Amino acid sequence: MNRDNKLISLAKLNRKIIYGNYNKKSLTFLKVLRVILKKQIKQLEVKQ
């Protein structure tokens, strides 16, 4: 999977997390996941 596809799939996942209606317990987990995703996206952008 190339860098652009990876960014797109991360962005889609991020959007699902923001707009999805999750229960409170999974919300805290998803917030942590979003932080990790953002770090990964930044790393991918730096590698450009």
C-alpha atoms as a PDB file:
ATOM      1  CA  MET A   1       0.000   0.000   0.000  1.00  0.00           C
ATOM      2  CA  ASN A   2       1.512   3.328  -1.010  1.00  0.00           C
ATOM      3  CA  ARG A   3       1.694   6.408   1.168  1.00  0.00           C
ATOM      4  CA  ASP A   4      -1.358   8.171  -0.308  1.00  0.00           C
ATOM      5  CA  ASN A   5      -3.611   5.141   0.100  1.00  0.00           C
ATOM      6  CA  LYS A   6      -2.422   4.791   3.674  1.00  0.00           C
ATOM      7  CA  LEU A   7      -3.245   8.449   4.380  1.00  0.00           C
ATOM      8  CA  ILE A   8      -6.686   8.070   2.808  1.00  0.00           C
ATOM      9  CA  SER A   9      -7.534   4.957   4.817  1.00  0.00           C
ATOM     10  CA  LEU A  10      -6.319   6.619   8.036  1.00  0.00           C
ATOM     11  CA  ALA A  11      -8.441   9.670   7.260  1.00  0.00           C
ATOM     12  CA  LYS A  12     -11.506   7.492   6.627  1.00  0.00           C
ATOM     13  CA  LEU A  13     -10.965   5.667   9.904  1.00  0.00           C
ATOM     14  CA  ASN A  14     -10.535   9.009  11.668  1.00  0.00           C
ATOM     15  CA  ARG A  15     -13.824  10.255  10.182  1.00  0.00           C
ATOM     16  CA  LYS A  16     -15.635   7.098  11.289  1.00  0.00           C
ATOM     17  CA  ILE A  17     -14.347   7.637  14.816  1.00  0.00           C
ATOM     18  CA  ILE A  18     -15.496  11.273  14.869  1.00  0.00           C
ATOM     19  CA  TYR A  19     -18.984  10.727  13.420  1.00  0.00           C
ATOM     20  CA  GLY A  20     -19.692   7.203  14.637  1.00  0.00           C
ATOM     21  CA  ASN A  21     -21.987   6.904  17.631  1.00  0.00           C
ATOM     22  CA  TYR A  22     -19.998   4.816  20.065  1.00  0.00           C
ATOM     23  CA  ASN A  23     -20.647   4.098  23.708  1.00  0.00           C
ATOM     24  CA  LYS A  24     -18.589   5.896  26.353  1.00  0.00           C
ATOM     25  CA  LYS A  25     -16.235   3.021  27.108  1.00  0.00           C
ATOM     26  CA  SER A  26     -15.098   2.653  23.501  1.00  0.00           C
ATOM     27  CA  LEU A  27     -14.971   6.458  23.105  1.00  0.00           C
ATOM     28  CA  THR A  28     -11.958   6.786  25.403  1.00  0.00           C
ATOM     29  CA  PHE A  29     -10.232   3.995  23.488  1.00  0.00           C
ATOM     30  CA  LEU A  30     -11.066   5.669  20.183  1.00  0.00           C
ATOM     31  CA  LYS A  31      -9.717   9.027  21.391  1.00  0.00           C
ATOM     32  CA  VAL A  32      -6.405   7.319  22.109  1.00  0.00           C
ATOM     33  CA  LEU A  33      -6.577   5.657  18.696  1.00  0.00           C
ATOM     34  CA  ARG A  34      -7.137   9.046  17.039  1.00  0.00           C
ATOM     35  CA  VAL A  35      -4.030  10.470  18.695  1.00  0.00           C
ATOM     36  CA  ILE A  36      -2.044   7.508  17.371  1.00  0.00           C
ATOM     37  CA  LEU A  37      -3.539   7.950  13.890  1.00  0.00           C
ATOM     38  CA  LYS A  38      -2.658  11.649  13.861  1.00  0.00           C
ATOM     39  CA  LYS A  39       0.937  10.822  14.801  1.00  0.00           C
ATOM     40  CA  GLN A  40       1.101   8.249  12.004  1.00  0.00           C
ATOM     41  CA  ILE A  41      -0.299  10.766   9.502  1.00  0.00           C
ATOM     42  CA  LYS A  42       2.279  13.356  10.576  1.00  0.00           C
ATOM     43  CA  GLN A  43       5.086  10.804  10.200  1.00  0.00           C
ATOM     44  CA  LEU A  44       3.840   9.911   6.718  1.00  0.00           C
ATOM     45  CA  GLU A  45       3.701  13.579   5.729  1.00  0.00           C
ATOM     46  CA  VAL A  46       7.243  14.153   7.014  1.00  0.00           C
ATOM     47  CA  LYS A  47       8.550  11.257   4.898  1.00  0.00           C
ATOM     48  CA  GLN A  48       7.191  12.952   1.755  1.00  0.00           C
END
